[in-house]
C-alpha atoms as a PDB file:
ATOM      1  CA  MET A   1      -7.813  -3.096 -19.033  1.00  0.00           C
ATOM      2  CA  ASN A   2     -10.639  -4.417 -16.891  1.00  0.00           C
ATOM      3  CA  SER A   3     -10.207  -5.208 -13.101  1.00  0.00           C
ATOM      4  CA  SER A   4      -8.857  -8.939 -13.597  1.00  0.00           C
ATOM      5  CA  HIS A   5      -6.193  -7.537 -15.850  1.00  0.00           C
ATOM      6  CA  ALA A   6      -4.995  -5.069 -13.562  1.00  0.00           C
ATOM      7  CA  ARG A   7      -4.794  -7.145 -10.469  1.00  0.00           C
ATOM      8  CA  LEU A   8      -2.757  -9.365 -13.269  1.00  0.00           C
ATOM      9  CA  LEU A   9      -0.394  -6.543 -13.337  1.00  0.00           C
ATOM     10  CA  GLY A  10      -0.795  -5.711  -9.372  1.00  0.00           C
ATOM     11  CA  GLN A  11      -2.224  -2.431 -10.014  1.00  0.00           C
ATOM     12  CA  GLN A  12      -4.920  -2.817  -7.363  1.00  0.00           C
ATOM     13  CA  ILE A  13      -3.126  -0.257  -5.400  1.00  0.00           C
ATOM     14  CA  PHE A  14      -4.188   2.457  -7.184  1.00  0.00           C
ATOM     15  CA  GLU A  15      -7.715   1.418  -8.053  1.00  0.00           C
ATOM     16  CA  HIS A  16      -8.600   2.610  -4.724  1.00  0.00           C
ATOM     17  CA  CYS A  17      -8.334   6.604  -4.343  1.00  0.00           C
ATOM     18  CA  ASP A  18     -10.385   7.791  -1.026  1.00  0.00           C
ATOM     19  CA  ILE A  19      -7.455   8.518   1.014  1.00  0.00           C
ATOM     20  CA  ALA A  20      -7.472  11.986   2.665  1.00  0.00           C
ATOM     21  CA  PRO A  21      -3.761  12.888   3.672  1.00  0.00           C
ATOM     22  CA  ILE A  22      -5.176  15.341   6.274  1.00  0.00           C
ATOM     23  CA  GLU A  23      -6.075  11.809   8.248  1.00  0.00           C
ATOM     24  CA  LEU A  24      -2.279  11.326   8.041  1.00  0.00           C
ATOM     25  CA  GLY A  25      -1.197  14.911   9.716  1.00  0.00           C
ATOM     26  CA  ILE A  26      -0.604  15.999   6.192  1.00  0.00           C
ATOM     27  CA  THR A  27      -3.043  19.333   5.161  1.00  0.00           C
ATOM     28  CA  PRO A  28      -4.265  19.137   1.769  1.00  0.00           C
ATOM     29  CA  ARG A  29      -2.078  22.596   1.509  1.00  0.00           C
ATOM     30  CA  GLN A  30       0.541  20.758   2.071  1.00  0.00           C
ATOM     31  CA  ILE A  31      -0.045  18.032  -0.484  1.00  0.00           C
ATOM     32  CA  ASN A  32      -0.696  20.913  -3.154  1.00  0.00           C
ATOM     33  CA  TYR A  33       2.593  22.440  -2.784  1.00  0.00           C
ATOM     34  CA  TRP A  34       4.316  19.118  -2.771  1.00  0.00           C
ATOM     35  CA  ILE A  35       2.701  18.255  -5.873  1.00  0.00           C
ATOM     36  CA  LYS A  36       3.576  22.132  -6.893  1.00  0.00           C
ATOM     37  CA  LYS A  37       7.256  21.143  -6.205  1.00  0.00           C
ATOM     38  CA  ILE A  38       6.713  17.858  -7.862  1.00  0.00           C
ATOM     39  CA  LEU A  39       7.894  16.298  -5.208  1.00  0.00           C
ATOM     40  CA  ILE A  40       4.878  13.623  -5.769  1.00  0.00           C
ATOM     41  CA  PRO A  41       5.104  13.371  -9.307  1.00  0.00           C
ATOM     42  CA  PHE A  42       2.057  12.556 -11.789  1.00  0.00           C
ATOM     43  CA  VAL A  43      -0.378  13.822  -9.624  1.00  0.00           C
ATOM     44  CA  GLU A  44      -2.586  16.904 -10.431  1.00  0.00           C
ATOM     45  CA  ARG A  45      -3.205  19.754  -7.978  1.00  0.00           C
ATOM     46  CA  GLN A  46      -6.390  19.644  -6.437  1.00  0.00           C
ATOM     47  CA  ASP A  47      -9.305  21.527  -5.342  1.00  0.00           C
ATOM     48  CA  ILE A  48      -9.436  22.639  -1.579  1.00  0.00           C
ATOM     49  CA  ASN A  49     -13.321  22.952  -0.249  1.00  0.00           C
ATOM     50  CA  GLU A  50     -12.495  25.397   2.558  1.00  0.00           C
ATOM     51  CA  ASN A  51     -15.898  24.896   3.893  1.00  0.00           C
ATOM     52  CA  LYS A  52     -15.272  21.012   4.912  1.00  0.00           C
ATOM     53  CA  ARG A  53     -12.360  20.284   7.522  1.00  0.00           C
ATOM     54  CA  LEU A  54     -11.171  17.152   5.281  1.00  0.00           C
ATOM     55  CA  GLY A  55     -11.057  19.128   1.919  1.00  0.00           C
ATOM     56  CA  ARG A  56     -11.372  17.042  -0.566  1.00  0.00           C
ATOM     57  CA  VAL A  57      -8.233  15.721  -1.671  1.00  0.00           C
ATOM     58  CA  ARG A  58      -7.790  12.184  -2.059  1.00  0.00           C
ATOM     59  CA  LEU A  59      -5.060  10.019  -3.128  1.00  0.00           C
ATOM     60  CA  ASN A  60      -4.553   6.684  -3.951  1.00  0.00           C
ATOM     61  CA  LEU A  61      -2.576   3.773  -1.607  1.00  0.00           C
ATOM     62  CA  ALA A  62       0.636   4.258  -3.546  1.00  0.00           C
ATOM     63  CA  ASN A  63       0.521   8.146  -3.635  1.00  0.00           C
ATOM     64  CA  ALA A  64      -0.555   8.249   0.269  1.00  0.00           C
ATOM     65  CA  ILE A  65       2.544   6.257   1.489  1.00  0.00           C
ATOM     66  CA  TRP A  66       5.030   7.752  -0.685  1.00  0.00           C
ATOM     67  CA  ALA A  67       3.285  11.539   0.677  1.00  0.00           C
ATOM     68  CA  TYR A  68       3.914  10.158   4.256  1.00  0.00           C
ATOM     69  CA  ILE A  69       7.699   9.160   3.399  1.00  0.00           C
ATOM     70  CA  ILE A  70       7.908  12.750   2.213  1.00  0.00           C
ATOM     71  CA  LYS A  71       6.696  14.037   5.548  1.00  0.00           C
ATOM     72  CA  GLU A  72       8.620  11.560   7.383  1.00  0.00           C
ATOM     73  CA  LEU A  73      12.059  12.841   5.365  1.00  0.00           C
ATOM     74  CA  LEU A  74      10.837  16.245   6.097  1.00  0.00           C
ATOM     75  CA  ASP A  75      10.587  15.791   9.787  1.00  0.00           C
ATOM     76  CA  VAL A  76      14.090  14.801  10.183  1.00  0.00           C
ATOM     77  CA  GLY A  77      15.430  17.516   8.233  1.00  0.00           C
ATOM     78  CA  VAL A  78      15.929  16.473   4.755  1.00  0.00           C
ATOM     79  CA  SER A  79      15.331  19.654   2.348  1.00  0.00           C
ATOM     80  CA  SER A  80      12.803  20.030  -0.459  1.00  0.00           C
ATOM     81  CA  LYS A  81      15.366  20.380  -3.109  1.00  0.00           C
ATOM     82  CA  ARG A  82      16.897  16.884  -2.014  1.00  0.00           C
ATOM     83  CA  LEU A  83      13.156  15.308  -1.889  1.00  0.00           C
ATOM     84  CA  ALA A  84      12.734  16.566  -5.357  1.00  0.00           C
ATOM     85  CA  LYS A  85      15.694  14.674  -6.448  1.00  0.00           C
ATOM     86  CA  LEU A  86      14.980  11.830  -4.673  1.00  0.00           C
ATOM     87  CA  ALA A  87      11.019  11.943  -6.176  1.00  0.00           C
ATOM     88  CA  LYS A  88      12.672  11.985  -9.902  1.00  0.00           C
ATOM     89  CA  LYS A  89      14.668   8.927  -9.155  1.00  0.00           C
ATOM     90  CA  VAL A  90      12.011   6.735  -7.739  1.00  0.00           C
ATOM     91  CA  TRP A  91       9.151   7.894  -9.867  1.00  0.00           C
ATOM     92  CA  ASP A  92      10.612   9.462 -13.203  1.00  0.00           C
ATOM     93  CA  LYS A  93      13.458   7.655 -13.977  1.00  0.00           C
ATOM     94  CA  PRO A  94      11.740   4.331 -14.314  1.00  0.00           C
ATOM     95  CA  ARG A  95       9.126   5.885 -16.162  1.00  0.00           C
ATOM     96  CA  LYS A  96      11.896   7.176 -18.514  1.00  0.00           C
ATOM     97  CA  ASP A  97      13.765   3.718 -18.288  1.00  0.00           C
ATOM     98  CA  LYS A  98      10.003   1.557 -19.618  1.00  0.00           C
ATOM     99  CA  TYR A  99      10.444  -0.223 -15.954  1.00  0.00           C
ATOM    100  CA  ALA A 100       6.987  -1.365 -16.666  1.00  0.00           C
ATOM    101  CA  ASP A 101       7.756  -2.713 -20.177  1.00  0.00           C
ATOM    102  CA  LYS A 102      10.460  -4.998 -18.483  1.00  0.00           C
ATOM    103  CA  VAL A 103       7.659  -6.190 -15.876  1.00  0.00           C
ATOM    104  CA  ILE A 104       5.270  -7.131 -18.291  1.00  0.00           C
ATOM    105  CA  ARG A 105       7.759  -8.805 -20.763  1.00  0.00           C
ATOM    106  CA  LYS A 106       9.135 -10.684 -17.541  1.00  0.00           C
ATOM    107  CA  THR A 107       5.970 -11.705 -16.527  1.00  0.00           C
ATOM    108  CA  ILE A 108       5.275 -12.985 -19.844  1.00  0.00           C
ATOM    109  CA  ASN A 109       8.181 -15.208 -20.628  1.00  0.00           C
ATOM    110  CA  ARG A 110       8.626 -16.495 -17.097  1.00  0.00           C
ATOM    111  CA  ASN A 111       4.625 -17.681 -17.070  1.00  0.00           C
ATOM    112  CA  ASN A 112       4.334 -20.828 -15.451  1.00  0.00           C
ATOM    113  CA  GLY A 113       1.036 -21.705 -16.668  1.00  0.00           C
ATOM    114  CA  SER A 114      -0.403 -19.533 -13.276  1.00  0.00           C
ATOM    115  CA  ILE A 115      -1.452 -17.208 -15.932  1.00  0.00           C
ATOM    116  CA  SER A 116      -4.383 -18.075 -18.617  1.00  0.00           C
ATOM    117  CA  ASN A 117      -3.194 -17.926 -22.470  1.00  0.00           C
ATOM    118  CA  GLU A 118      -5.768 -15.129 -23.301  1.00  0.00           C
ATOM    119  CA  ASP A 119      -4.355 -12.908 -20.118  1.00  0.00           C
ATOM    120  CA  ILE A 120      -1.262 -13.711 -22.047  1.00  0.00           C
ATOM    121  CA  GLU A 121      -2.376 -12.388 -25.006  1.00  0.00           C
ATOM    122  CA  ILE A 122      -3.745  -8.914 -23.434  1.00  0.00           C
ATOM    123  CA  LEU A 123      -0.365  -8.049 -21.752  1.00  0.00           C
ATOM    124  CA  LYS A 124       1.259  -9.111 -25.248  1.00  0.00           C
ATOM    125  CA  ASN A 125      -1.629  -6.405 -26.352  1.00  0.00           C
ATOM    126  CA  THR A 126      -0.690  -4.149 -23.366  1.00  0.00           C
ATOM    127  CA  LEU A 127       2.824  -3.349 -24.593  1.00  0.00           C
ATOM    128  CA  GLU A 128       1.366  -2.073 -27.881  1.00  0.00           C
ATOM    129  CA  ASP A 129      -0.853   0.214 -26.708  1.00  0.00           C
ATOM    130  CA  ASP A 130       1.344   3.423 -26.223  1.00  0.00           C
ATOM    131  CA  LEU A 131      -1.461   5.042 -24.502  1.00  0.00           C
ATOM    132  CA  LEU A 132      -2.329   2.425 -22.000  1.00  0.00           C
ATOM    133  CA  MET A 133       1.534   2.128 -21.261  1.00  0.00           C
ATOM    134  CA  GLY A 134       1.931   5.709 -21.266  1.00  0.00           C
ATOM    135  CA  THR A 135       0.203   5.244 -17.598  1.00  0.00           C
ATOM    136  CA  LEU A 136       1.437   2.147 -16.303  1.00  0.00           C
ATOM    137  CA  ARG A 137       4.732   3.576 -16.870  1.00  0.00           C
ATOM    138  CA  MET A 138       3.620   6.139 -14.112  1.00  0.00           C
ATOM    139  CA  GLU A 139       2.573   3.557 -12.086  1.00  0.00           C
ATOM    140  CA  ILE A 140       4.929   0.154 -12.032  1.00  0.00           C
ATOM    141  CA  ASN A 141       8.269   0.995 -10.402  1.00  0.00           C
ATOM    142  CA  PRO A 142      10.616  -0.468  -7.716  1.00  0.00           C
ATOM    143  CA  PHE A 143       8.917   1.569  -5.101  1.00  0.00           C
ATOM    144  CA  THR A 144       5.464   0.179  -5.743  1.00  0.00           C
ATOM    145  CA  ASP A 145       6.566  -3.056  -5.905  1.00  0.00           C
ATOM    146  CA  MET A 146       7.754  -2.998  -2.630  1.00  0.00           C
ATOM    147  CA  ILE A 147       4.588  -2.083  -1.272  1.00  0.00           C
ATOM    148  CA  LYS A 148       2.899  -4.838  -3.493  1.00  0.00           C
ATOM    149  CA  SER A 149       5.735  -7.235  -2.045  1.00  0.00           C
ATOM    150  CA  TRP A 150       5.012  -6.022   1.626  1.00  0.00           C
ATOM    151  CA  LEU A 151       1.134  -6.731   0.977  1.00  0.00           C
ATOM    152  CA  LEU A 152       1.795 -10.529  -0.100  1.00  0.00           C
ATOM    153  CA  ASN A 153       4.802 -11.009   2.292  1.00  0.00           C
ATOM    154  CA  LYS A 154       4.394  -8.620   5.402  1.00  0.00           C
ATOM    155  CA  GLU A 155       6.677 -10.747   7.776  1.00  0.00           C
ATOM    156  CA  VAL A 156       9.942  -9.754   6.045  1.00  0.00           C
ATOM    157  CA  PRO A 157      10.764  -6.555   6.249  1.00  0.00           C
ATOM    158  CA  HIS A 158      10.391  -3.293   3.716  1.00  0.00           C
ATOM    159  CA  ALA A 159      11.529  -0.051   3.802  1.00  0.00           C
ATOM    160  CA  LEU A 160      12.993   3.040   1.636  1.00  0.00           C
ATOM    161  CA  VAL A 161      16.838   3.381   2.908  1.00  0.00           C
ATOM    162  CA  TYR A 162      18.059   7.264   1.893  1.00  0.00           C
ATOM    163  CA  ILE A 163      21.584   8.433   1.999  1.00  0.00           C
ATOM    164  CA  PRO A 164      20.972  12.281   2.068  1.00  0.00           C
ATOM    165  CA  LYS A 165      24.465  13.296   1.402  1.00  0.00           C
ATOM    166  CA  THR A 166      24.917  11.424  -2.029  1.00  0.00           C
ATOM    167  CA  GLY A 167      21.157  11.049  -2.701  1.00  0.00           C
ATOM    168  CA  GLU A 168      21.243   7.604  -3.021  1.00  0.00           C
ATOM    169  CA  HIS A 169      18.555   5.387  -2.237  1.00  0.00           C
ATOM    170  CA  GLU A 170      17.557   1.557  -2.203  1.00  0.00           C
ATOM    171  CA  PHE A 171      14.018  -0.176  -1.444  1.00  0.00           C
ATOM    172  CA  LEU A 172      15.041  -2.951   1.617  1.00  0.00           C
ATOM    173  CA  MET A 173      12.944  -5.869   0.962  1.00  0.00           C
ATOM    174  CA  ASN A 174      14.792  -8.557   3.086  1.00  0.00           C
ATOM    175  CA  ASP A 175      18.081  -9.418   0.524  1.00  0.00           C
ATOM    176  CA  GLY A 176      21.155 -10.358   1.596  1.00  0.00           C
ATOM    177  CA  LYS A 177      23.128  -8.629  -1.136  1.00  0.00           C
ATOM    178  CA  LEU A 178      21.459  -5.294  -0.234  1.00  0.00           C
ATOM    179  CA  ASN A 179      21.911  -5.690   3.653  1.00  0.00           C
ATOM    180  CA  LEU A 180      25.707  -6.248   2.525  1.00  0.00           C
ATOM    181  CA  LYS A 181      26.107  -2.973   0.380  1.00  0.00           C
ATOM    182  CA  LEU A 182      23.923  -1.078   2.916  1.00  0.00           C
ATOM    183  CA  ALA A 183      26.472  -1.743   5.617  1.00  0.00           C
ATOM    184  CA  SER A 184      28.872  -0.848   3.161  1.00  0.00           C
ATOM    185  CA  LEU A 185      27.288   2.702   2.671  1.00  0.00           C
ATOM    186  CA  ALA A 186      26.466   3.247   6.440  1.00  0.00           C
ATOM    187  CA  LEU A 187      30.677   2.988   7.246  1.00  0.00           C
ATOM    188  CA  GLU A 188      30.781   6.408   4.727  1.00  0.00           C
ATOM    189  CA  SER A 189      27.632   8.434   5.098  1.00  0.00           C
ATOM    190  CA  SER A 190      24.203   8.569   7.597  1.00  0.00           C
ATOM    191  CA  ILE A 191      21.537   6.704   6.560  1.00  0.00           C
ATOM    192  CA  VAL A 192      17.866   7.489   7.244  1.00  0.00           C
ATOM    193  CA  THR A 193      15.367   4.220   7.056  1.00  0.00           C
ATOM    194  CA  VAL A 194      11.983   4.444   6.788  1.00  0.00           C
ATOM    195  CA  PRO A 195       9.939   1.400   7.635  1.00  0.00           C
ATOM    196  CA  LEU A 196       6.599   0.415   5.144  1.00  0.00           C
ATOM    197  CA  ALA A 197       5.049  -1.119   7.787  1.00  0.00           C
ATOM    198  CA  PRO A 198       3.893   1.932  10.139  1.00  0.00           C
ATOM    199  CA  ILE A 199       3.072   3.424   7.010  1.00  0.00           C
ATOM    200  CA  LEU A 200       0.702   1.050   5.392  1.00  0.00           C
ATOM    201  CA  LEU A 201      -0.568   0.608   9.081  1.00  0.00           C
ATOM    202  CA  LYS A 202      -1.910   4.188   9.330  1.00  0.00           C
ATOM    203  CA  VAL A 203      -2.932   4.163   5.673  1.00  0.00           C
ATOM    204  CA  VAL A 204      -5.262   1.240   5.476  1.00  0.00           C
ATOM    205  CA  SER A 205      -6.671   2.252   8.788  1.00  0.00           C
ATOM    206  CA  ILE A 206      -7.992   5.220   7.076  1.00  0.00           C
ATOM    207  CA  ASP A 207      -8.892   3.086   3.744  1.00  0.00           C
ATOM    208  CA  ILE A 208     -10.959   0.948   5.721  1.00  0.00           C
ATOM    209  CA  ASP A 209     -13.644   3.508   6.909  1.00  0.00           C
ATOM    210  CA  SER A 210     -14.205   4.345   3.029  1.00  0.00           C
ATOM    211  CA  PRO A 211     -17.783   3.400   1.396  1.00  0.00           C
ATOM    212  CA  LYS A 212     -16.174   1.580  -1.526  1.00  0.00           C
ATOM    213  CA  PRO A 213     -17.099  -2.136  -0.892  1.00  0.00           C
ATOM    214  CA  THR A 214     -14.033  -3.719  -1.998  1.00  0.00           C
ATOM    215  CA  LEU A 215     -10.618  -3.134  -1.023  1.00  0.00           C
ATOM    216  CA  GLY A 216      -8.185  -5.258  -3.418  1.00  0.00           C
ATOM    217  CA  TYR A 217      -5.150  -6.069  -0.710  1.00  0.00           C
ATOM    218  CA  LEU A 218      -8.188  -7.912   1.298  1.00  0.00           C
ATOM    219  CA  ASN A 219      -9.220 -11.509   0.741  1.00  0.00           C
ATOM    220  CA  SER A 220     -12.925 -12.326   0.984  1.00  0.00           C
ATOM    221  CA  ILE A 221     -12.656 -13.433   4.613  1.00  0.00           C
ATOM    222  CA  GLU A 222     -10.494 -10.053   6.020  1.00  0.00           C
ATOM    223  CA  GLN A 223     -13.317  -8.433   3.925  1.00  0.00           C
ATOM    224  CA  GLN A 224     -16.220  -9.939   6.013  1.00  0.00           C
ATOM    225  CA  ILE A 225     -14.451  -9.440   8.534  1.00  0.00           C
ATOM    226  CA  ARG A 226     -13.883  -5.742   7.833  1.00  0.00           C
ATOM    227  CA  ASP A 227     -17.667  -5.208   7.063  1.00  0.00           C
ATOM    228  CA  ILE A 228     -18.906  -6.407  10.361  1.00  0.00           C
ATOM    229  CA  VAL A 229     -16.325  -4.551  12.591  1.00  0.00           C
ATOM    230  CA  VAL A 230     -17.165  -0.998  10.669  1.00  0.00           C
ATOM    231  CA  PHE A 231     -20.692  -1.079   9.555  1.00  0.00           C
ATOM    232  CA  LYS A 232     -22.638  -3.586  11.929  1.00  0.00           C
ATOM    233  CA  LYS A 233     -20.583  -1.898  14.811  1.00  0.00           C
ATOM    234  CA  PRO A 234     -20.896  -4.681  17.209  1.00  0.00           C
ATOM    235  CA  LYS A 235     -20.303  -3.826  21.074  1.00  0.00           C
ATOM    236  CA  GLU A 236     -17.705  -6.627  20.997  1.00  0.00           C
ATOM    237  CA  VAL A 237     -16.176  -9.125  18.284  1.00  0.00           C
ATOM    238  CA  GLN A 238     -13.703 -11.978  19.043  1.00  0.00           C
ATOM    239  CA  ILE A 239     -11.732 -12.851  16.396  1.00  0.00           C
ATOM    240  CA  VAL A 240     -10.140 -16.607  17.069  1.00  0.00           C
ATOM    241  CA  PHE A 241      -8.630 -19.315  14.937  1.00  0.00           C
ATOM    242  CA  GLU A 242      -9.912 -22.492  15.171  1.00  0.00           C
ATOM    243  CA  ASN A 243      -6.829 -24.283  16.316  1.00  0.00           C
ATOM    244  CA  GLY A 244      -5.620 -21.319  17.862  1.00  0.00           C
ATOM    245  CA  GLN A 245      -2.328 -20.383  15.452  1.00  0.00           C
ATOM    246  CA  LEU A 246      -3.214 -17.199  15.652  1.00  0.00           C
ATOM    247  CA  LYS A 247      -3.473 -14.864  18.851  1.00  0.00           C
ATOM    248  CA  PRO A 248      -6.965 -14.336  19.542  1.00  0.00           C
ATOM    249  CA  ILE A 249      -8.080 -10.258  19.131  1.00  0.00           C
ATOM    250  CA  ILE A 250     -11.032  -8.766  21.054  1.00  0.00           C
ATOM    251  CA  ILE A 251     -12.170  -5.157  19.509  1.00  0.00           C
ATOM    252  CA  THR A 252     -14.882  -4.007  21.832  1.00  0.00           C
ATOM    253  CA  GLU A 253     -17.261  -0.709  21.373  1.00  0.00           C
ATOM    254  CA  LYS A 254     -14.703   1.014  24.181  1.00  0.00           C
ATOM    255  CA  HIS A 255     -11.483   0.843  22.639  1.00  0.00           C
ATOM    256  CA  LYS A 256     -12.023  -0.421  19.210  1.00  0.00           C
ATOM    257  CA  THR A 257      -9.998   1.816  16.468  1.00  0.00           C
ATOM    258  CA  LYS A 258      -9.411   1.697  13.108  1.00  0.00           C
ATOM    259  CA  GLU A 259      -5.825   0.890  13.614  1.00  0.00           C
ATOM    260  CA  GLN A 260      -6.165  -1.925  15.892  1.00  0.00           C
ATOM    261  CA  LEU A 261      -8.636  -3.866  13.138  1.00  0.00           C
ATOM    262  CA  ALA A 262      -5.787  -3.321  10.413  1.00  0.00           C
ATOM    263  CA  ARG A 263      -3.032  -4.296  12.178  1.00  0.00           C
ATOM    264  CA  TYR A 264      -4.895  -7.469  12.925  1.00  0.00           C
ATOM    265  CA  ILE A 265      -5.553  -7.839   8.938  1.00  0.00           C
ATOM    266  CA  LEU A 266      -1.889  -6.878   8.137  1.00  0.00           C
ATOM    267  CA  GLU A 267      -0.027  -8.784  10.854  1.00  0.00           C
ATOM    268  CA  ASN A 268      -2.126 -11.803  10.398  1.00  0.00           C
ATOM    269  CA  LYS A 269      -2.778 -12.511   6.895  1.00  0.00           C
ATOM    270  CA  ILE A 270      -5.634 -14.711   6.647  1.00  0.00           C
ATOM    271  CA  GLU A 271      -4.790 -17.642   3.924  1.00  0.00           C
ATOM    272  CA  LYS A 272      -7.152 -17.982   1.002  1.00  0.00           C
ATOM    273  CA  GLY A 273      -9.403 -20.917   1.438  1.00  0.00           C
ATOM    274  CA  SER A 274     -10.264 -19.919   5.134  1.00  0.00           C
ATOM    275  CA  LYS A 275     -14.045 -20.258   6.214  1.00  0.00           C
ATOM    276  CA  MET A 276     -15.558 -18.250   8.842  1.00  0.00           C
ATOM    277  CA  LEU A 277     -18.147 -19.185  11.322  1.00  0.00           C
ATOM    278  CA  ILE A 278     -20.288 -16.302  12.567  1.00  0.00           C
ATOM    279  CA  ASP A 279     -21.359 -16.473  15.878  1.00  0.00           C
ATOM    280  CA  ILE A 280     -23.986 -13.439  16.605  1.00  0.00           C
ATOM    281  CA  ARG A 281     -24.324 -13.346  20.498  1.00  0.00           C
ATOM    282  CA  SER A 282     -26.448 -10.859  23.014  1.00  0.00           C
ATOM    283  CA  GLN A 283     -25.889  -7.380  23.597  1.00  0.00           C
ATOM    284  CA  GLY A 284     -24.749  -6.853  20.079  1.00  0.00           C
ATOM    285  CA  ASN A 285     -21.749  -9.435  20.042  1.00  0.00           C
ATOM    286  CA  TYR A 286     -20.164 -11.276  17.445  1.00  0.00           C
ATOM    287  CA  LYS A 287     -17.498 -14.451  17.720  1.00  0.00           C
ATOM    288  CA  LEU A 288     -16.109 -14.988  14.607  1.00  0.00           C
ATOM    289  CA  THR A 289     -14.228 -18.413  14.417  1.00  0.00           C
ATOM    290  CA  LEU A 290     -11.755 -19.190  11.403  1.00  0.00           C
ATOM    291  CA  ILE A 291     -11.341 -22.146   9.858  1.00  0.00           C
ATOM    292  CA  LYS A 292      -8.628 -23.214   7.923  1.00  0.00           C
ATOM    293  CA  LYS A 293      -9.367 -24.844   4.540  1.00  0.00           C
END
């Protein structure tokens, strides 16, 4: 399956595998221990280079987010035994239930013309490919669907809601029925809510320094902004919209951070089709003006 077909299935979150967990406050040894205890399913234990501070452990976006969720739940006292059961429900149960097959069939059956006939045929052939489907069943599940949903609709709250006493969990995506169900559950048991946005912000702020040229969840304009800030390293970058529809941001050499840039890109999604005027000013400064097409 080539990259365009992978994007068709929303699998760009698995294409970029260069996130060092230690930058999330998770050591390589912890990652390997969690992998051994099957807290992070479908990931092989990785070599650790003792001579390098970051080691050689790398995760893709989805697994890095899941690892951080594991860390958050451990920090609030959820046992590793309970987390192993949660991981099995989140990752292994959808694989056994062939959730990915259902998603692909729904995509085929509900196509309203937005997907070409050629791509539809490729999806049909994908369903017949046992080897490929074996991989996709480990990658497509309600958890990764929540990540894709947030990347497309970041103003809507997304979170994992977990009930330690019963082991139940839900993925919150601003669903009215789900909110009602959670309100009922909260009357009976304590719940732990892990919001997705702060985790995505941390992960993407790390990912943004990667030497790889493109990130699947950034459009072309966002990619240009990233490249200017990260690689050209100007003393000051002022990012503004021509009509002032978004609050301007100024990133200076003194206080700029990867997380600040990631926050701007993720919280202020730039519409596709926008144009960018680049004004190179004196003393290594840039003004980027974004114009809605």
